[in-house]
Protein backbone atom coordinates (compact mmCIF):
# COMPACT_ATOMS: atom_id res chain seq x y z
CA MET A 1 -44.07 6.58 -38.89
CA PRO A 2 -41.54 8.91 -40.50
CA ASN A 3 -42.16 12.17 -42.30
CA SER A 4 -43.80 11.41 -45.65
CA LYS A 5 -41.15 13.29 -47.63
CA ILE A 6 -37.94 12.47 -45.73
CA GLY A 7 -36.64 8.98 -44.99
CA ARG A 8 -33.92 7.62 -42.74
CA ALA A 9 -31.77 4.57 -43.46
CA ALA A 10 -28.37 3.17 -42.50
CA PHE A 11 -25.49 1.87 -44.59
CA ILE A 12 -23.62 -0.94 -42.83
CA ASP A 13 -20.31 -2.67 -43.53
CA VAL A 14 -18.11 -5.19 -41.74
CA GLU A 15 -14.52 -6.34 -41.88
CA THR A 16 -13.96 -9.92 -40.79
CA THR A 17 -11.38 -12.58 -40.00
CA GLY A 18 -12.42 -14.48 -43.14
CA LEU A 19 -15.26 -15.24 -45.53
CA ASN A 20 -17.17 -17.96 -43.65
CA PRO A 21 -19.83 -16.50 -41.33
CA LEU A 22 -20.12 -19.82 -39.45
CA ARG A 23 -16.43 -19.86 -38.55
CA ASP A 24 -15.11 -16.31 -38.98
CA GLU A 25 -15.96 -13.18 -37.00
CA ILE A 26 -16.54 -9.46 -37.34
CA ILE A 27 -13.50 -7.44 -36.31
CA GLU A 28 -14.77 -4.04 -37.46
CA LEU A 29 -18.29 -2.70 -37.90
CA GLY A 30 -19.23 0.59 -39.49
CA LEU A 31 -22.58 2.24 -39.95
CA THR A 32 -23.57 5.53 -41.51
CA VAL A 33 -27.09 6.86 -41.00
CA PHE A 34 -28.40 9.01 -43.84
CA MET A 35 -31.51 11.07 -44.52
CA PHE A 36 -33.01 11.09 -47.99
CA ARG A 37 -35.86 12.44 -50.10
CA ARG A 38 -38.37 9.68 -50.68
CA ASP A 39 -39.47 10.92 -54.10
CA THR A 40 -36.05 11.41 -55.72
CA GLY A 41 -33.65 9.39 -53.55
CA GLU A 42 -31.45 12.44 -53.02
CA ILE A 43 -29.22 12.09 -49.93
CA LEU A 44 -29.86 15.11 -47.69
CA ASP A 45 -27.75 14.58 -44.59
CA VAL A 46 -25.57 12.16 -42.65
CA PRO A 47 -26.54 12.72 -39.00
CA TYR A 48 -24.63 9.81 -37.47
CA MET A 49 -21.57 7.65 -38.13
CA TYR A 50 -20.20 4.86 -35.97
CA THR A 51 -17.17 2.62 -36.39
CA SER A 52 -15.70 0.20 -33.91
CA LEU A 53 -13.10 -2.52 -33.87
CA ARG A 54 -13.82 -5.81 -32.09
CA GLN A 55 -11.50 -8.40 -30.63
CA PRO A 56 -12.39 -11.84 -32.03
CA SER A 57 -12.08 -15.11 -30.12
CA LYS A 58 -9.05 -16.13 -32.22
CA ARG A 59 -6.10 -14.36 -33.81
CA VAL A 60 -6.68 -12.30 -36.95
CA PRO A 61 -5.28 -14.36 -39.86
CA ARG A 62 -2.52 -12.77 -41.92
CA SER A 63 -4.61 -13.35 -45.06
CA ALA A 64 -7.38 -11.14 -43.60
CA THR A 65 -4.92 -8.48 -42.43
CA ALA A 66 -3.51 -8.36 -45.97
CA ILE A 67 -6.93 -7.19 -47.20
CA HIS A 68 -8.05 -4.68 -44.57
CA GLY A 69 -4.87 -4.00 -42.60
CA ILE A 70 -6.46 -4.80 -39.22
CA THR A 71 -4.05 -6.53 -36.83
CA ASP A 72 -4.37 -8.32 -33.49
CA GLU A 73 -2.82 -5.32 -31.77
CA MET A 74 -5.47 -3.00 -33.20
CA VAL A 75 -8.41 -5.10 -31.96
CA LYS A 76 -7.02 -6.09 -28.56
CA GLY A 77 -9.58 -5.26 -25.86
CA ARG A 78 -11.97 -3.58 -28.32
CA ARG A 79 -15.70 -4.23 -28.56
CA ILE A 80 -18.71 -2.96 -30.47
CA GLU A 81 -21.20 -1.00 -28.38
CA GLU A 82 -24.33 -2.98 -29.18
CA GLU A 83 -26.72 -0.48 -27.62
CA LYS A 84 -25.45 2.38 -29.81
CA VAL A 85 -25.78 0.17 -32.88
CA ARG A 86 -29.27 -0.96 -31.86
CA ILE A 87 -30.55 2.60 -31.32
CA GLU A 88 -29.39 3.76 -34.75
CA LEU A 89 -30.43 0.68 -36.71
CA GLU A 90 -33.84 0.37 -35.08
CA SER A 91 -34.57 4.02 -35.85
CA SER A 92 -33.74 3.41 -39.54
CA GLU A 93 -36.37 2.20 -42.01
CA PHE A 94 -33.98 -0.19 -43.74
CA LEU A 95 -30.31 -1.16 -43.93
CA VAL A 96 -28.11 -1.00 -47.01
CA ALA A 97 -24.93 -2.99 -47.58
CA HIS A 98 -22.84 -3.51 -50.68
CA ASN A 99 -23.06 -7.29 -51.07
CA ALA A 100 -25.68 -7.51 -48.35
CA ASN A 101 -25.69 -11.32 -48.23
CA PHE A 102 -22.15 -11.23 -46.83
CA ASP A 103 -22.74 -8.47 -44.25
CA TYR A 104 -26.13 -9.88 -43.23
CA ALA A 105 -24.67 -13.33 -42.45
CA PHE A 106 -22.04 -11.85 -40.12
CA VAL A 107 -24.15 -9.13 -38.50
CA VAL A 108 -27.08 -11.44 -37.73
CA ARG A 109 -24.75 -13.92 -36.08
CA LEU A 110 -23.41 -11.19 -33.79
CA PHE A 111 -26.72 -9.32 -33.36
CA PRO A 112 -29.62 -11.75 -34.01
CA TRP A 113 -32.19 -8.95 -33.62
CA THR A 114 -31.08 -7.51 -37.01
CA ALA A 115 -32.53 -10.55 -38.84
CA SER A 116 -36.02 -9.04 -38.81
CA MET A 117 -34.88 -5.73 -40.34
CA VAL A 118 -35.22 -4.87 -44.03
CA TRP A 119 -31.85 -5.32 -45.78
CA MET A 120 -31.13 -3.84 -49.21
CA CYS A 121 -28.15 -4.60 -51.46
CA SER A 122 -26.51 -1.74 -53.35
CA MET A 123 -24.46 -4.26 -55.33
CA ARG A 124 -27.29 -6.47 -56.65
CA GLN A 125 -30.37 -4.22 -56.53
CA ILE A 126 -28.90 -1.46 -58.69
CA ASP A 127 -28.37 -2.32 -62.35
CA TRP A 128 -24.72 -1.31 -62.69
CA VAL A 129 -24.26 -3.34 -65.88
CA ARG A 130 -27.13 -1.49 -67.60
CA ASP A 131 -25.34 1.75 -66.80
CA GLY A 132 -22.16 0.47 -68.44
CA TYR A 133 -20.08 -0.65 -65.45
CA PRO A 134 -18.32 -4.00 -65.99
CA SER A 135 -17.89 -4.54 -62.25
CA ARG A 136 -20.30 -4.14 -59.33
CA GLY A 137 -17.44 -4.04 -56.80
CA LEU A 138 -17.59 -1.12 -54.38
CA GLN A 139 -13.99 -0.02 -54.86
CA PHE A 140 -14.37 -0.07 -58.66
CA LEU A 141 -17.61 1.96 -58.52
CA ILE A 142 -16.07 4.46 -56.12
CA ARG A 143 -13.15 5.03 -58.50
CA THR A 144 -15.29 5.29 -61.64
CA HIS A 145 -17.57 7.83 -59.94
CA HIS A 146 -14.49 9.86 -58.90
CA LEU A 147 -15.33 9.70 -55.20
CA GLU A 148 -12.50 10.47 -52.81
CA VAL A 149 -11.89 7.73 -50.27
CA PHE A 150 -9.26 7.83 -47.55
CA GLU A 151 -9.18 4.10 -46.72
CA CYS A 152 -10.27 1.04 -48.70
CA HIS A 153 -11.63 -2.09 -47.05
CA ARG A 154 -12.26 -0.37 -43.74
CA ALA A 155 -15.82 -0.46 -42.47
CA GLY A 156 -16.36 3.22 -41.65
CA ALA A 157 -14.77 4.53 -44.84
CA ASP A 158 -16.63 2.01 -46.99
CA CYS A 159 -19.96 2.98 -45.38
CA MET A 160 -19.41 6.66 -46.12
CA ALA A 161 -18.27 5.85 -49.65
CA GLY A 162 -21.37 3.70 -50.13
CA VAL A 163 -23.66 6.54 -49.06
CA ARG A 164 -21.84 8.96 -51.36
CA LEU A 165 -22.20 6.48 -54.22
CA LEU A 166 -25.97 6.18 -53.58
CA GLY A 167 -26.08 9.98 -53.79
CA CYS A 168 -24.61 9.97 -57.31
CA GLN A 169 -26.81 10.00 -60.39
CA ASN A 170 -26.93 7.39 -63.14
CA LYS A 171 -26.73 8.25 -66.83
CA HIS A 172 -30.47 9.00 -66.84
CA GLY A 173 -30.19 11.62 -64.08
CA GLN A 174 -31.72 9.37 -61.42
CA PHE A 175 -30.09 9.01 -58.01
CA TYR A 176 -28.89 5.45 -57.42
CA LEU A 177 -30.75 5.42 -54.12
CA ARG A 178 -34.02 6.00 -56.00
CA GLU A 179 -33.39 2.80 -57.96
CA LEU A 180 -32.74 0.95 -54.71
CA LEU A 181 -35.96 2.29 -53.19
CA ASP A 182 -37.89 0.59 -56.00
CA HIS A 183 -36.84 -2.75 -54.49
CA LEU A 184 -38.23 -2.04 -51.04
CA PRO A 185 -41.03 -4.32 -49.82
CA ARG A 186 -44.40 -2.94 -50.94
CA ASN A 187 -45.42 -1.68 -47.47
CA LEU A 188 -42.24 0.45 -47.30
CA GLN A 189 -42.51 1.57 -50.93
CA ASP A 190 -45.88 3.12 -50.09
CA THR A 191 -44.14 5.40 -47.57
CA ALA A 192 -41.29 6.04 -50.03
CA GLY A 193 -43.42 8.10 -52.37
CA LYS A 194 -44.49 5.31 -54.71
């Protein structure tokens, strides 16, 4: 198992043709692997980033393009390299997504093998309201933490922004990732310095 002091996890995000995972499809997947200190939750390094567009089976609806800017022309002939994704995710101890229920539903449909992985939610498993934030939305939290982002609602940029947000400290001086680590299943908490 991993070094007792250093952990490895992956932040994952998807852009889709719509909101229904039974009908809509992933058209962009991003993942950012990050290394962290188990005791404090401090982010130490980002050794790997991957982003890929994917051509869906149907046209990208205009309503979806209005949100993320991804068009049919951009996704034409594109695909996600499943083996690259598998190698990085399977070598991570857990996955993080902001609103993990949404990302999980889409990712598991495309890659069923991810269903058995440990998924964490940076939107619901961090107490943003306690820290005085009226919204748990990623874009709002990025702005209020003064993090520079080059693109909104694009999978790769949102993954990197999510990792940077986890690396910020709350009003008590604790890294947000440390708070998230407290929600890990007990067997993983034991390796996370608990």
